Structures are given as structure tokens and as C-alpha cells.
Amino acid sequence: MSHEGQEGNPTTDFPPVINGLDFLESTVELLTKAPAPSARDQKYAVVHLAAAFEVILKARLEIEEPALTWVMRHEFNEAKHRVGDFKSVQWEDTLKRIRQHCAPETPLIEKPHVRALVEMRNRIAHFGFAGTTAAVEVVTTPVLDFLVSFVHGDLLALVPDQQVTRAEEIIDRVRPDLGKIGALVKQRLATAEALDAAQVVRCLVCAANSVPIEGGDLYIACVVCHTDFGSPADAAWIYSGTSAYEVMKDGGDDPVHEHNGFLCPGGAVTRMPTGKIDEGVEATVLLCLTCGEECAGVCQYCDRAVTTFAFPEADMCGDCLDIRMEKF
């Protein structure tokens, strides 16, 4: 929003909450362009929504206590704060501080939804943009819904009256189009809800519970955003967040294991996200992506995943137990 400053020099006036809502409105406008948003529209929609999330939540911290927006609260300096010369908190700590210091009763968005948006934004900023319209819609909708609810339910009561009017005007403008996007996403998610697979896990790209693990799959893919994670072995490494090369180079425990299953020897096993959140922590399952079987754990002697332990007290598989029994 521009004004005429001294001697006709234009000035801008975007207080934090209005600034965040302006990014949010831009996101909705870009995603609802007729006849359909272009790839460029979708790219900027993701970038603008990530900015909206950061600005709006940090505005809430700022209202409570400006130092809460600093990574190191005890180093807060008013002069540096005013010109932006400081390192601000990342999104996970922002949510944590809002819960601890600002709004303990206000429902907050689940982390996998934010992580999906932030990671998509990071890919755009650092590597370029490649994705599907479905992925963008499914990633952005939960964050859009949360921000509108958060502003309306928590933030507006704390800002000056003139900003409340402007904020409500923006929210009124975006609500109809938010409904359109939400209806479209609901249709897309219906495919995931209808899945009848041995296991269904969360997609790393769109954050929906939409990746079926059937057993015998040649490749692992999301039914909502259609991201292809490759073969079961490829998918296991992608979901592990590292690679065989990095594990070999840097050391540490191998996150991907061979399956010591009777019907699936050598299958690719790793921990997979279930999308089920309990007290802010997402549950995972040790799963063979090759056969779809849930594993009890990893043998401490051969490092293979097993469906059941032959000697549970020692986390030992049947093969390793047999080897030791032969020595007696």
C-alpha cells in the first residue's frame, strides 16, 4: 500500500500482519488464475505463501516480545532489531515459541505440512521448480487454511483497529477462492482416502498420506501429487534423507537395511512416516518397501531387518542364532 511522502515521494505502508496477509492474498490469486495457473504462477504462489507464514507468525512473536524473534533472545538489541540486523528464528522454533509464550491454547498446524511447504520453497530458491499442480495445491491448502484461522482467531485481537479493518478486508476477499482450492484438493485427496494397500505412508512432497506400499511394486509413487520415488530401494534411500555414499563417507548407522524375510530376502527396509501425530511427534514404521511387510526391528549382529526376532532379548535374527548354536 503506497502513500505520498514528503515532496511527493511515494512511501509504502505494510505493517507486519498486513504484509503477511498481502503475501497470502497473492498466493490465492496466483493459484486461482483462469483458466489455470501457469508454472510461473505456482512457483510464486509457493514462495509467497512461505513468506506469509514466516511474516505472520513472527508478527505474533513480535507483539508478545520482540526478543522472541531473535535466535539468541538474550542478545536482543533494539537498534539492530529496528533495521533487521539480526538472525531470526526458523519456523520450527517459531511454532514452539508461539506455543510456549503466546498462545498455548491456539491450535497450531502440524509440522509435516509446514515442512513440505518449506522444502518446496527451498527447492525453488536453490535448484529451480519442477513439480505438479496437484502437489502445489495439496501443499499450500493446509497452510492457507491455518494462517486465515490463526489471524482471525488469535492475531486480530492484538493489532490496532485500523489494521483489523484492512486485515478483515483481505480475509473476506480470499475466502471464496480458498473454498475453491479446498474443494479441488478434497477431490484429489479422495484418491488417497480410497486406497486399500498393505501400508500407506506420508508423501515427502505433498505431505498427504498417499503413498501406498503394496508389496511387489516396481516403483513407489504418490497417488495425489504423482511424485515418483523410484524403485523400492531408491525410495528407501530418499525417505532416509541420506545416501549410501554419504553413510560410507561420513560413517554412522545405515538407515536402510536388507530384509531378512523368508519371502523377501534382500528387500529394502527403512523407517517411513505414517502421518499420525501424537503430542507433536510423527509416528514412524519400520517397513519393507519391497514386500510391504512391517518389521519388528534390526538384528544387532547382521544388521538385517526382521519380521520377528528369534532371540528377542538380544535382538537376534534366526540366522545369527543358528550360527551361534552350531558352535555348541
Protein backbone atom coordinates (compact mmCIF):
# COMPACT_ATOMS: atom_id res chain seq x y z
CA MET A 1 0.00 0.00 0.00
CA SER A 2 1.56 3.30 -1.12
CA HIS A 3 1.24 6.85 0.20
CA GLU A 4 2.64 10.19 -0.86
CA GLY A 5 5.56 11.05 1.40
CA GLN A 6 7.41 14.32 1.73
CA GLU A 7 7.71 16.31 -1.52
CA GLY A 8 5.55 13.77 -3.34
CA ASN A 9 7.96 10.88 -2.69
CA PRO A 10 5.90 7.63 -2.55
CA THR A 11 6.17 5.57 0.64
CA THR A 12 4.96 2.07 1.47
CA ASP A 13 2.89 1.02 4.45
CA PHE A 14 2.79 -2.70 5.15
CA PRO A 15 2.67 -3.40 8.90
CA PRO A 16 3.72 -7.00 9.67
CA VAL A 17 0.26 -8.58 9.83
CA ILE A 18 -0.95 -6.76 6.70
CA ASN A 19 2.33 -7.63 4.97
CA GLY A 20 1.84 -11.32 5.72
CA LEU A 21 -1.78 -11.25 4.59
CA ASP A 22 -0.76 -9.48 1.37
CA PHE A 23 1.59 -12.39 0.60
CA LEU A 24 -1.27 -14.78 1.42
CA GLU A 25 -3.70 -12.94 -0.88
CA SER A 26 -1.11 -13.03 -3.65
CA THR A 27 -0.82 -16.81 -3.19
CA VAL A 28 -4.56 -17.30 -3.56
CA GLU A 29 -4.74 -15.01 -6.60
CA LEU A 30 -1.93 -16.92 -8.30
CA LEU A 31 -3.46 -20.35 -7.58
CA THR A 32 -6.91 -19.38 -8.88
CA LYS A 33 -5.91 -17.68 -12.11
CA ALA A 34 -8.22 -18.54 -15.01
CA PRO A 35 -8.28 -20.75 -16.92
CA ALA A 36 -5.50 -22.38 -14.86
CA PRO A 37 -2.37 -21.18 -13.03
CA SER A 38 0.82 -21.37 -15.05
CA ALA A 39 4.01 -22.97 -13.78
CA ARG A 40 5.26 -19.44 -13.02
CA ASP A 41 2.10 -18.68 -11.04
CA GLN A 42 2.54 -21.85 -8.99
CA LYS A 43 6.20 -21.10 -8.34
CA TYR A 44 5.47 -17.66 -6.95
CA ALA A 45 2.45 -18.96 -5.02
CA VAL A 46 4.74 -21.28 -3.05
CA VAL A 47 7.35 -18.57 -2.44
CA HIS A 48 4.72 -16.03 -1.35
CA LEU A 49 2.96 -18.47 0.97
CA ALA A 50 6.25 -19.38 2.67
CA ALA A 51 6.81 -15.65 3.18
CA ALA A 52 3.26 -15.21 4.52
CA PHE A 53 3.76 -17.99 7.05
CA GLU A 54 7.04 -16.55 8.29
CA VAL A 55 5.84 -12.94 8.48
CA ILE A 56 2.50 -13.66 10.17
CA LEU A 57 3.89 -15.98 12.84
CA LYS A 58 6.84 -13.73 13.61
CA ALA A 59 4.43 -10.80 13.85
CA ARG A 60 2.74 -12.72 16.66
CA LEU A 61 6.09 -13.17 18.43
CA GLU A 62 6.90 -9.50 17.90
CA ILE A 63 3.66 -8.44 19.58
CA GLU A 64 4.36 -10.67 22.57
CA GLU A 65 8.03 -9.71 22.93
CA PRO A 66 10.36 -8.55 20.12
CA ALA A 67 13.25 -10.59 21.53
CA LEU A 68 11.27 -13.78 20.78
CA THR A 69 12.01 -13.27 17.09
CA TRP A 70 15.76 -13.48 17.75
CA VAL A 71 17.56 -16.82 17.72
CA MET A 72 19.51 -15.64 20.76
CA ARG A 73 16.92 -13.84 22.87
CA HIS A 74 19.44 -12.62 25.42
CA GLU A 75 21.34 -10.73 22.70
CA PHE A 76 18.33 -8.60 21.74
CA ASN A 77 19.23 -5.06 20.73
CA GLU A 78 16.53 -2.52 19.91
CA ALA A 79 18.61 -0.57 17.38
CA LYS A 80 19.66 -3.69 15.46
CA HIS A 81 16.14 -5.07 15.65
CA ARG A 82 14.70 -1.93 14.09
CA VAL A 83 16.89 -2.23 10.98
CA GLY A 84 16.71 -6.04 10.74
CA ASP A 85 20.35 -6.65 11.66
CA PHE A 86 19.87 -9.95 13.48
CA LYS A 87 19.34 -13.68 12.92
CA SER A 88 15.69 -14.57 13.35
CA VAL A 89 14.21 -17.88 14.46
CA GLN A 90 13.43 -20.63 11.99
CA TRP A 91 9.90 -21.93 11.51
CA GLU A 92 10.09 -24.84 13.97
CA ASP A 93 11.28 -22.61 16.81
CA THR A 94 8.71 -20.00 15.81
CA LEU A 95 5.89 -22.51 16.33
CA LYS A 96 7.46 -23.71 19.57
CA ARG A 97 7.76 -20.17 20.96
CA ILE A 98 4.19 -19.31 19.99
CA ARG A 99 3.04 -22.39 21.87
CA GLN A 100 5.21 -21.63 24.90
CA HIS A 101 4.93 -17.85 25.19
CA CYS A 102 1.97 -16.56 23.18
CA ALA A 103 -0.96 -18.85 22.51
CA PRO A 104 -0.79 -22.16 24.40
CA GLU A 105 -4.45 -22.94 23.65
CA THR A 106 -4.47 -21.95 19.97
CA PRO A 107 -4.44 -24.94 17.55
CA LEU A 108 -1.24 -24.89 15.51
CA ILE A 109 -0.56 -26.53 12.17
CA GLU A 110 1.12 -29.94 12.15
CA LYS A 111 4.80 -29.78 11.27
CA PRO A 112 4.75 -32.11 8.21
CA HIS A 113 2.54 -29.60 6.35
CA VAL A 114 4.93 -26.72 7.04
CA ARG A 115 7.97 -28.84 6.26
CA ALA A 116 6.50 -29.78 2.87
CA LEU A 117 5.96 -26.11 2.04
CA VAL A 118 9.40 -25.01 3.25
CA GLU A 119 11.17 -27.79 1.36
CA MET A 120 9.24 -26.99 -1.83
CA ARG A 121 10.14 -23.31 -1.41
CA ASN A 122 13.80 -24.22 -0.83
CA ARG A 123 13.90 -26.31 -3.99
CA ILE A 124 12.51 -23.36 -5.94
CA ALA A 125 15.01 -20.93 -4.40
CA HIS A 126 18.09 -23.11 -4.78
CA PHE A 127 17.53 -25.58 -7.59
CA GLY A 128 14.61 -24.46 -9.76
CA PHE A 129 10.99 -25.56 -9.86
CA ALA A 130 9.76 -28.94 -11.03
CA GLY A 131 6.51 -30.36 -9.71
CA THR A 132 2.85 -30.94 -10.37
CA THR A 133 -0.16 -28.68 -9.96
CA ALA A 134 -1.62 -31.25 -7.57
CA ALA A 135 1.48 -31.13 -5.37
CA VAL A 136 1.36 -27.33 -5.13
CA GLU A 137 -2.36 -27.34 -4.28
CA VAL A 138 -2.08 -30.06 -1.66
CA VAL A 139 0.99 -28.48 -0.05
CA THR A 140 -0.41 -24.94 0.08
CA THR A 141 -4.01 -25.55 1.18
CA PRO A 142 -3.39 -26.65 4.82
CA VAL A 143 -1.04 -23.69 5.36
CA LEU A 144 -3.51 -21.24 3.81
CA ASP A 145 -6.33 -22.54 5.98
CA PHE A 146 -4.20 -22.39 9.11
CA LEU A 147 -3.00 -18.83 8.51
CA VAL A 148 -6.51 -17.47 7.94
CA SER A 149 -7.75 -19.21 11.10
CA PHE A 150 -4.72 -18.08 13.12
CA VAL A 151 -5.05 -14.45 12.07
CA HIS A 152 -8.78 -14.38 12.67
CA GLY A 153 -8.76 -16.39 15.90
CA ASP A 154 -5.65 -15.08 17.63
CA LEU A 155 -3.83 -12.22 15.97
CA LEU A 156 -6.51 -9.65 15.08
CA ALA A 157 -7.42 -9.01 18.71
CA LEU A 158 -3.86 -7.80 19.31
CA VAL A 159 -3.33 -5.33 16.43
CA PRO A 160 -4.51 -1.69 16.07
CA ASP A 161 -8.09 -1.13 14.91
CA GLN A 162 -7.13 0.32 11.52
CA GLN A 163 -5.11 -2.81 10.78
CA VAL A 164 -8.01 -5.04 11.84
CA THR A 165 -10.22 -3.43 9.19
CA ARG A 166 -7.60 -3.92 6.47
CA ALA A 167 -6.91 -7.49 7.56
CA GLU A 168 -10.60 -8.43 7.57
CA GLU A 169 -11.00 -6.95 4.09
CA ILE A 170 -8.18 -9.18 2.81
CA ILE A 171 -9.61 -12.26 4.51
CA ASP A 172 -13.06 -11.55 3.05
CA ARG A 173 -11.54 -11.29 -0.41
CA VAL A 174 -9.63 -14.58 -0.22
CA ARG A 175 -12.26 -16.78 1.48
CA PRO A 176 -14.29 -17.59 -1.69
CA ASP A 177 -11.20 -18.63 -3.65
CA LEU A 178 -9.86 -20.55 -0.65
CA GLY A 179 -13.06 -22.57 -0.79
CA LYS A 180 -12.49 -23.35 -4.47
CA ILE A 181 -8.92 -24.51 -3.85
CA GLY A 182 -10.04 -26.56 -0.85
CA ALA A 183 -12.76 -28.30 -2.86
CA LEU A 184 -10.24 -29.22 -5.56
CA VAL A 185 -7.79 -30.58 -3.00
CA LYS A 186 -10.57 -32.58 -1.36
CA GLN A 187 -11.20 -34.26 -4.70
CA ARG A 188 -7.52 -35.08 -5.08
CA LEU A 189 -7.26 -36.45 -1.53
CA ALA A 190 -10.28 -38.70 -2.13
CA THR A 191 -7.95 -40.90 -4.19
CA ALA A 192 -5.71 -41.37 -1.17
CA GLU A 193 -8.63 -41.99 1.19
CA ALA A 194 -9.84 -44.78 -1.08
CA LEU A 195 -6.52 -46.63 -1.00
CA ASP A 196 -6.67 -50.26 0.07
CA ALA A 197 -2.99 -51.08 0.40
CA ALA A 198 -0.99 -53.10 2.89
CA GLN A 199 0.57 -49.85 4.13
CA VAL A 200 0.00 -46.18 3.30
CA VAL A 201 2.66 -43.63 4.27
CA ARG A 202 3.07 -39.87 4.08
CA CYS A 203 4.34 -38.34 0.86
CA LEU A 204 7.53 -36.34 1.32
CA VAL A 205 6.46 -33.83 -1.32
CA CYS A 206 2.77 -33.03 -0.68
CA ALA A 207 2.55 -34.30 2.95
CA ALA A 208 -0.63 -36.28 2.25
CA ASN A 209 -0.98 -39.87 3.47
CA SER A 210 -0.97 -41.00 -0.10
CA VAL A 211 1.94 -43.35 -0.87
CA PRO A 212 0.75 -46.98 -0.99
CA ILE A 213 3.20 -49.77 -0.22
CA GLU A 214 1.58 -52.82 -1.75
CA GLY A 215 4.44 -55.29 -1.98
CA GLY A 216 5.76 -56.27 -5.36
CA ASP A 217 5.72 -52.66 -6.63
CA LEU A 218 8.22 -51.84 -9.34
CA TYR A 219 8.20 -48.23 -8.19
CA ILE A 220 6.86 -46.21 -5.26
CA ALA A 221 4.67 -43.20 -6.10
CA CYS A 222 2.19 -40.78 -4.54
CA VAL A 223 -1.38 -41.13 -5.81
CA VAL A 224 -2.17 -37.47 -5.08
CA CYS A 225 0.74 -35.40 -6.42
CA HIS A 226 2.11 -38.26 -8.58
CA THR A 227 5.69 -37.87 -7.37
CA ASP A 228 7.67 -40.97 -8.38
CA PHE A 229 10.21 -42.03 -5.74
CA GLY A 230 11.68 -44.76 -7.94
CA SER A 231 12.26 -48.41 -7.09
CA PRO A 232 11.70 -49.65 -3.52
CA ALA A 233 15.44 -49.37 -2.88
CA ASP A 234 15.60 -45.85 -4.34
CA ALA A 235 12.55 -44.79 -2.33
CA ALA A 236 14.04 -46.20 0.87
CA TRP A 237 17.13 -44.04 0.50
CA ILE A 238 15.09 -40.95 -0.43
CA TYR A 239 12.94 -41.40 2.66
CA SER A 240 16.00 -41.98 4.83
CA GLY A 241 17.22 -38.48 3.96
CA THR A 242 20.72 -39.59 3.01
CA SER A 243 22.52 -41.89 0.56
CA ALA A 244 24.72 -44.96 0.68
CA TYR A 245 27.66 -42.77 -0.41
CA GLU A 246 27.13 -40.27 2.42
CA VAL A 247 26.84 -43.05 5.00
CA MET A 248 30.07 -44.61 3.72
CA LYS A 249 31.85 -41.25 3.65
CA ASP A 250 30.62 -39.82 6.95
CA GLY A 251 30.09 -43.01 8.94
CA GLY A 252 27.20 -43.63 11.29
CA ASP A 253 24.36 -46.13 11.31
CA ASP A 254 22.95 -47.30 8.00
CA PRO A 255 19.30 -46.16 7.79
CA VAL A 256 18.42 -48.63 5.02
CA HIS A 257 18.58 -52.36 5.76
CA GLU A 258 18.15 -55.60 3.88
CA HIS A 259 15.05 -57.55 4.77
CA ASN A 260 15.73 -60.97 6.26
CA GLY A 261 12.24 -62.11 5.33
CA PHE A 262 11.52 -65.66 4.22
CA LEU A 263 9.60 -64.50 1.14
CA CYS A 264 11.54 -61.28 0.61
CA PRO A 265 15.27 -61.76 1.13
CA GLY A 266 17.20 -58.58 0.44
CA GLY A 267 14.20 -56.24 0.38
CA ALA A 268 14.75 -52.54 1.16
CA VAL A 269 13.73 -51.58 4.71
CA THR A 270 13.74 -48.16 6.35
CA ARG A 271 11.64 -46.07 8.73
CA MET A 272 8.66 -44.48 7.00
CA PRO A 273 6.44 -41.60 8.21
CA THR A 274 2.84 -42.57 8.95
CA GLY A 275 1.37 -39.07 9.07
CA LYS A 276 -0.03 -39.83 12.54
CA ILE A 277 0.92 -37.12 15.04
CA ASP A 278 0.98 -37.70 18.79
CA GLU A 279 1.95 -34.75 21.02
CA GLY A 280 3.72 -33.08 18.11
CA VAL A 281 5.75 -36.16 17.14
CA GLU A 282 5.04 -38.12 13.98
CA ALA A 283 4.91 -41.89 14.33
CA THR A 284 7.07 -43.98 12.01
CA VAL A 285 7.04 -47.60 10.98
CA LEU A 286 9.98 -49.85 10.06
CA LEU A 287 8.76 -51.03 6.68
CA CYS A 288 9.98 -53.18 3.82
CA LEU A 289 9.20 -51.21 0.68
CA THR A 290 9.77 -54.29 -1.44
CA CYS A 291 7.13 -56.56 0.11
CA GLY A 292 5.10 -54.14 2.29
CA GLU A 293 5.77 -56.06 5.50
CA GLU A 294 6.23 -54.25 8.81
CA CYS A 295 9.42 -55.26 10.60
CA ALA A 296 9.96 -55.74 14.32
CA GLY A 297 13.48 -54.35 14.28
CA VAL A 298 17.04 -54.78 13.08
CA CYS A 299 19.28 -57.67 14.09
CA GLN A 300 22.18 -56.31 16.13
CA TYR A 301 24.52 -58.93 14.67
CA CYS A 302 23.94 -58.88 10.90
CA ASP A 303 22.13 -55.51 10.55
CA ARG A 304 19.24 -57.04 8.60
CA ALA A 305 15.62 -56.17 9.35
CA VAL A 306 13.39 -58.98 10.60
CA THR A 307 9.67 -59.54 10.95
CA THR A 308 10.24 -61.27 14.30
CA PHE A 309 13.34 -61.88 16.40
CA ALA A 310 14.37 -65.48 17.06
CA PHE A 311 16.05 -64.30 20.28
CA PRO A 312 14.25 -61.06 21.25
CA GLU A 313 16.29 -60.48 24.41
CA ALA A 314 19.38 -59.99 22.23
CA ASP A 315 17.69 -58.51 19.11
CA MET A 316 18.98 -61.54 17.19
CA CYS A 317 17.57 -63.00 13.98
CA GLY A 318 17.15 -66.72 13.29
CA ASP A 319 20.17 -66.97 11.00
CA CYS A 320 22.50 -65.41 13.56
CA LEU A 321 21.07 -67.60 16.31
CA ASP A 322 21.64 -70.74 14.20
CA ILE A 323 25.26 -69.76 13.59
CA ARG A 324 25.88 -69.42 17.30
CA MET A 325 24.06 -72.62 18.15
CA GLU A 326 26.26 -74.55 15.70
CA LYS A 327 29.30 -73.67 17.81
CA PHE A 328 27.94 -75.62 20.78
